[in-house]
């Protein structure tokens, strides 16, 4: 019995004793497969997650008409379900694009103000009011 065990152990040593380059090539191969397939898997995961959230129930509080009131020290966002007040210190950054203005509250959360329906004067007035907030960045 001991002899059989030693033979099996010896066979494993011989069988799996491959050069390091062999295992490095296999590792690189699997990394390439993962890197190529990751974007598709990630998009599928996000789609599935969003579809599940939208199917779960009433999302009218997320997708509805909002009114933004910009004051001296805060921004109020009012819709028919809730009112959100953000203080001046809570605003991390304001970024201006051609088609929208993003008011970042954190790295993941932002108020999105579409500018396609604003006249040039309204947009300039809004930017003047937002100019009092820190780190305003214009992006073309």
C-alpha atoms as a PDB file:
ATOM      1  CA  UNK A   1       0.000   0.000   0.000  1.00  0.00           C
ATOM      2  CA  UNK A   2       2.830   2.375   0.881  1.00  0.00           C
ATOM      3  CA  UNK A   3       4.600   1.536  -2.367  1.00  0.00           C
ATOM      4  CA  UNK A   4       1.483   2.341  -4.390  1.00  0.00           C
ATOM      5  CA  UNK A   5       1.103   5.695  -2.618  1.00  0.00           C
ATOM      6  CA  UNK A   6       4.721   6.593  -3.322  1.00  0.00           C
ATOM      7  CA  UNK A   7       4.328   5.675  -6.982  1.00  0.00           C
ATOM      8  CA  UNK A   8       1.268   7.934  -7.309  1.00  0.00           C
ATOM      9  CA  UNK A   9       3.083  10.758  -5.527  1.00  0.00           C
ATOM     10  CA  UNK A  10       6.090  10.279  -7.801  1.00  0.00           C
ATOM     11  CA  UNK A  11       3.837  10.279 -10.900  1.00  0.00           C
ATOM     12  CA  UNK A  12       2.298  13.592  -9.799  1.00  0.00           C
ATOM     13  CA  UNK A  13       5.710  15.133  -9.416  1.00  0.00           C
ATOM     14  CA  UNK A  14       6.707  14.018 -12.895  1.00  0.00           C
ATOM     15  CA  UNK A  15       3.350  14.845 -14.475  1.00  0.00           C
ATOM     16  CA  UNK A  16       3.101  18.416 -13.125  1.00  0.00           C
ATOM     17  CA  UNK A  17       6.763  19.311 -13.281  1.00  0.00           C
ATOM     18  CA  UNK A  18       6.520  21.819 -16.117  1.00  0.00           C
ATOM     19  CA  UNK A  19       8.815  24.749 -16.833  1.00  0.00           C
ATOM     20  CA  UNK A  20       7.818  28.103 -15.351  1.00  0.00           C
ATOM     21  CA  UNK A  21       7.420  29.546 -18.840  1.00  0.00           C
ATOM     22  CA  UNK A  22       4.657  27.004 -19.519  1.00  0.00           C
ATOM     23  CA  UNK A  23       2.624  28.204 -16.519  1.00  0.00           C
ATOM     24  CA  UNK A  24       3.348  31.864 -17.332  1.00  0.00           C
ATOM     25  CA  UNK A  25       1.979  31.376 -20.866  1.00  0.00           C
ATOM     26  CA  UNK A  26      -1.150  29.695 -19.483  1.00  0.00           C
ATOM     27  CA  UNK A  27      -1.643  32.533 -16.971  1.00  0.00           C
ATOM     28  CA  UNK A  28      -1.255  35.200 -19.687  1.00  0.00           C
ATOM     29  CA  UNK A  29      -3.695  33.286 -21.885  1.00  0.00           C
ATOM     30  CA  UNK A  30      -6.364  33.257 -19.166  1.00  0.00           C
ATOM     31  CA  UNK A  31      -5.768  36.956 -18.382  1.00  0.00           C
ATOM     32  CA  UNK A  32      -6.258  37.841 -22.060  1.00  0.00           C
ATOM     33  CA  UNK A  33      -9.487  35.837 -22.192  1.00  0.00           C
ATOM     34  CA  UNK A  34     -10.731  37.612 -19.055  1.00  0.00           C
ATOM     35  CA  UNK A  35      -9.794  41.101 -20.316  1.00  0.00           C
ATOM     36  CA  UNK A  36     -11.479  40.491 -23.687  1.00  0.00           C
ATOM     37  CA  UNK A  37     -14.655  39.064 -22.155  1.00  0.00           C
ATOM     38  CA  UNK A  38     -15.014  41.440 -19.204  1.00  0.00           C
ATOM     39  CA  UNK A  39     -16.674  44.429 -20.965  1.00  0.00           C
ATOM     40  CA  UNK A  40     -19.445  42.236 -22.392  1.00  0.00           C
ATOM     41  CA  UNK A  41     -20.059  40.555 -19.046  1.00  0.00           C
ATOM     42  CA  UNK A  42     -20.051  43.917 -17.258  1.00  0.00           C
ATOM     43  CA  UNK A  43     -22.557  45.449 -19.705  1.00  0.00           C
ATOM     44  CA  UNK A  44     -24.789  42.391 -19.361  1.00  0.00           C
ATOM     45  CA  UNK A  45     -24.625  42.650 -15.567  1.00  0.00           C
ATOM     46  CA  UNK A  46     -25.504  46.371 -15.608  1.00  0.00           C
ATOM     47  CA  UNK A  47     -28.395  45.804 -18.042  1.00  0.00           C
ATOM     48  CA  UNK A  48     -29.747  42.994 -15.898  1.00  0.00           C
ATOM     49  CA  UNK A  49     -29.430  45.103 -12.746  1.00  0.00           C
ATOM     50  CA  UNK A  50     -31.165  48.139 -14.275  1.00  0.00           C
ATOM     51  CA  UNK A  51     -33.901  45.987 -15.817  1.00  0.00           C
ATOM     52  CA  UNK A  52     -34.503  44.401 -12.425  1.00  0.00           C
ATOM     53  CA  UNK A  53     -34.729  47.808 -10.723  1.00  0.00           C
ATOM     54  CA  UNK A  54     -37.146  49.123 -13.345  1.00  0.00           C
ATOM     55  CA  UNK A  55     -39.267  45.974 -13.182  1.00  0.00           C
ATOM     56  CA  UNK A  56     -39.384  45.915  -9.366  1.00  0.00           C
ATOM     57  CA  UNK A  57     -41.919  48.639  -8.943  1.00  0.00           C
ATOM     58  CA  UNK A  58     -42.760  52.311  -9.018  1.00  0.00           C
ATOM     59  CA  UNK A  59     -39.778  54.379 -10.183  1.00  0.00           C
ATOM     60  CA  UNK A  60     -41.641  57.643 -10.596  1.00  0.00           C
ATOM     61  CA  UNK A  61     -39.456  59.273  -7.954  1.00  0.00           C
ATOM     62  CA  UNK A  62     -36.359  58.643 -10.098  1.00  0.00           C
ATOM     63  CA  UNK A  63     -37.821  59.459 -13.491  1.00  0.00           C
ATOM     64  CA  UNK A  64     -40.006  62.545 -13.152  1.00  0.00           C
ATOM     65  CA  UNK A  65     -39.987  66.298 -13.551  1.00  0.00           C
ATOM     66  CA  UNK A  66     -37.735  68.046 -11.026  1.00  0.00           C
ATOM     67  CA  UNK A  67     -37.446  71.720 -10.120  1.00  0.00           C
ATOM     68  CA  UNK A  68     -34.067  73.068  -9.004  1.00  0.00           C
ATOM     69  CA  UNK A  69     -33.845  76.215  -6.889  1.00  0.00           C
ATOM     70  CA  UNK A  70     -30.342  77.620  -6.451  1.00  0.00           C
ATOM     71  CA  UNK A  71     -29.912  79.734  -3.330  1.00  0.00           C
ATOM     72  CA  UNK A  72     -26.941  81.504  -1.781  1.00  0.00           C
ATOM     73  CA  UNK A  73     -25.838  78.530   0.330  1.00  0.00           C
ATOM     74  CA  UNK A  74     -27.785  75.559  -0.970  1.00  0.00           C
ATOM     75  CA  UNK A  75     -29.512  73.880  -3.876  1.00  0.00           C
ATOM     76  CA  UNK A  76     -33.044  72.506  -3.524  1.00  0.00           C
ATOM     77  CA  UNK A  77     -34.354  69.840  -5.888  1.00  0.00           C
ATOM     78  CA  UNK A  78     -38.120  69.465  -5.645  1.00  0.00           C
ATOM     79  CA  UNK A  79     -40.337  66.872  -7.299  1.00  0.00           C
ATOM     80  CA  UNK A  80     -43.848  65.642  -6.524  1.00  0.00           C
ATOM     81  CA  UNK A  81     -42.518  62.917  -4.195  1.00  0.00           C
ATOM     82  CA  UNK A  82     -39.697  64.568  -2.277  1.00  0.00           C
ATOM     83  CA  UNK A  83     -37.497  67.582  -1.669  1.00  0.00           C
ATOM     84  CA  UNK A  84     -33.729  67.311  -1.509  1.00  0.00           C
ATOM     85  CA  UNK A  85     -31.613  70.111  -0.058  1.00  0.00           C
ATOM     86  CA  UNK A  86     -27.863  70.127  -0.666  1.00  0.00           C
ATOM     87  CA  UNK A  87     -25.688  72.617   1.173  1.00  0.00           C
ATOM     88  CA  UNK A  88     -22.844  74.479  -0.468  1.00  0.00           C
ATOM     89  CA  UNK A  89     -20.313  72.278   1.348  1.00  0.00           C
ATOM     90  CA  UNK A  90     -22.031  69.152  -0.018  1.00  0.00           C
ATOM     91  CA  UNK A  91     -21.270  70.091  -3.626  1.00  0.00           C
ATOM     92  CA  UNK A  92     -17.938  68.639  -4.662  1.00  0.00           C
ATOM     93  CA  UNK A  93     -17.668  69.836  -8.248  1.00  0.00           C
ATOM     94  CA  UNK A  94     -19.621  71.422 -11.112  1.00  0.00           C
ATOM     95  CA  UNK A  95     -18.817  70.295 -14.677  1.00  0.00           C
ATOM     96  CA  UNK A  96     -20.244  71.993 -17.740  1.00  0.00           C
ATOM     97  CA  UNK A  97     -20.648  70.113 -21.020  1.00  0.00           C
ATOM     98  CA  UNK A  98     -22.246  71.270 -24.273  1.00  0.00           C
ATOM     99  CA  UNK A  99     -25.484  69.390 -23.582  1.00  0.00           C
ATOM    100  CA  UNK A 100     -25.602  69.157 -19.769  1.00  0.00           C
ATOM    101  CA  UNK A 101     -24.372  70.513 -16.472  1.00  0.00           C
ATOM    102  CA  UNK A 102     -23.315  68.024 -13.790  1.00  0.00           C
ATOM    103  CA  UNK A 103     -23.392  69.055 -10.140  1.00  0.00           C
ATOM    104  CA  UNK A 104     -21.412  66.385  -8.278  1.00  0.00           C
ATOM    105  CA  UNK A 105     -22.400  65.613  -4.700  1.00  0.00           C
ATOM    106  CA  UNK A 106     -19.892  62.741  -4.476  1.00  0.00           C
ATOM    107  CA  UNK A 107     -17.881  60.585  -6.844  1.00  0.00           C
ATOM    108  CA  UNK A 108     -21.016  58.634  -7.779  1.00  0.00           C
ATOM    109  CA  UNK A 109     -23.917  61.019  -7.201  1.00  0.00           C
ATOM    110  CA  UNK A 110     -24.717  64.065  -9.308  1.00  0.00           C
ATOM    111  CA  UNK A 111     -27.588  66.311 -10.293  1.00  0.00           C
ATOM    112  CA  UNK A 112     -27.878  66.299 -14.081  1.00  0.00           C
ATOM    113  CA  UNK A 113     -29.215  69.486 -15.652  1.00  0.00           C
ATOM    114  CA  UNK A 114     -29.916  69.035 -19.393  1.00  0.00           C
ATOM    115  CA  UNK A 115     -29.290  72.287 -21.246  1.00  0.00           C
ATOM    116  CA  UNK A 116     -30.988  71.516 -24.564  1.00  0.00           C
ATOM    117  CA  UNK A 117     -34.147  73.401 -23.565  1.00  0.00           C
ATOM    118  CA  UNK A 118     -32.368  76.389 -22.032  1.00  0.00           C
ATOM    119  CA  UNK A 119     -31.858  79.569 -23.976  1.00  0.00           C
ATOM    120  CA  UNK A 120     -28.375  81.020 -24.083  1.00  0.00           C
ATOM    121  CA  UNK A 121     -29.329  83.682 -21.523  1.00  0.00           C
ATOM    122  CA  UNK A 122     -30.869  81.107 -19.172  1.00  0.00           C
ATOM    123  CA  UNK A 123     -27.787  78.917 -19.427  1.00  0.00           C
ATOM    124  CA  UNK A 124     -25.459  81.852 -18.696  1.00  0.00           C
ATOM    125  CA  UNK A 125     -27.623  82.892 -15.738  1.00  0.00           C
ATOM    126  CA  UNK A 126     -27.542  79.322 -14.384  1.00  0.00           C
ATOM    127  CA  UNK A 127     -23.762  79.178 -14.797  1.00  0.00           C
ATOM    128  CA  UNK A 128     -23.401  82.522 -13.010  1.00  0.00           C
ATOM    129  CA  UNK A 129     -25.406  81.151 -10.084  1.00  0.00           C
ATOM    130  CA  UNK A 130     -23.402  77.927 -10.071  1.00  0.00           C
ATOM    131  CA  UNK A 131     -20.136  79.893 -10.284  1.00  0.00           C
ATOM    132  CA  UNK A 132     -20.326  80.533  -6.544  1.00  0.00           C
ATOM    133  CA  UNK A 133     -19.833  76.823  -5.985  1.00  0.00           C
ATOM    134  CA  UNK A 134     -16.344  75.397  -5.974  1.00  0.00           C
ATOM    135  CA  UNK A 135     -14.301  73.660  -8.670  1.00  0.00           C
ATOM    136  CA  UNK A 136     -16.327  74.630 -11.705  1.00  0.00           C
ATOM    137  CA  UNK A 137     -14.918  72.920 -14.818  1.00  0.00           C
ATOM    138  CA  UNK A 138     -15.867  73.786 -18.403  1.00  0.00           C
ATOM    139  CA  UNK A 139     -15.612  70.827 -20.812  1.00  0.00           C
ATOM    140  CA  UNK A 140     -16.205  71.166 -24.539  1.00  0.00           C
END
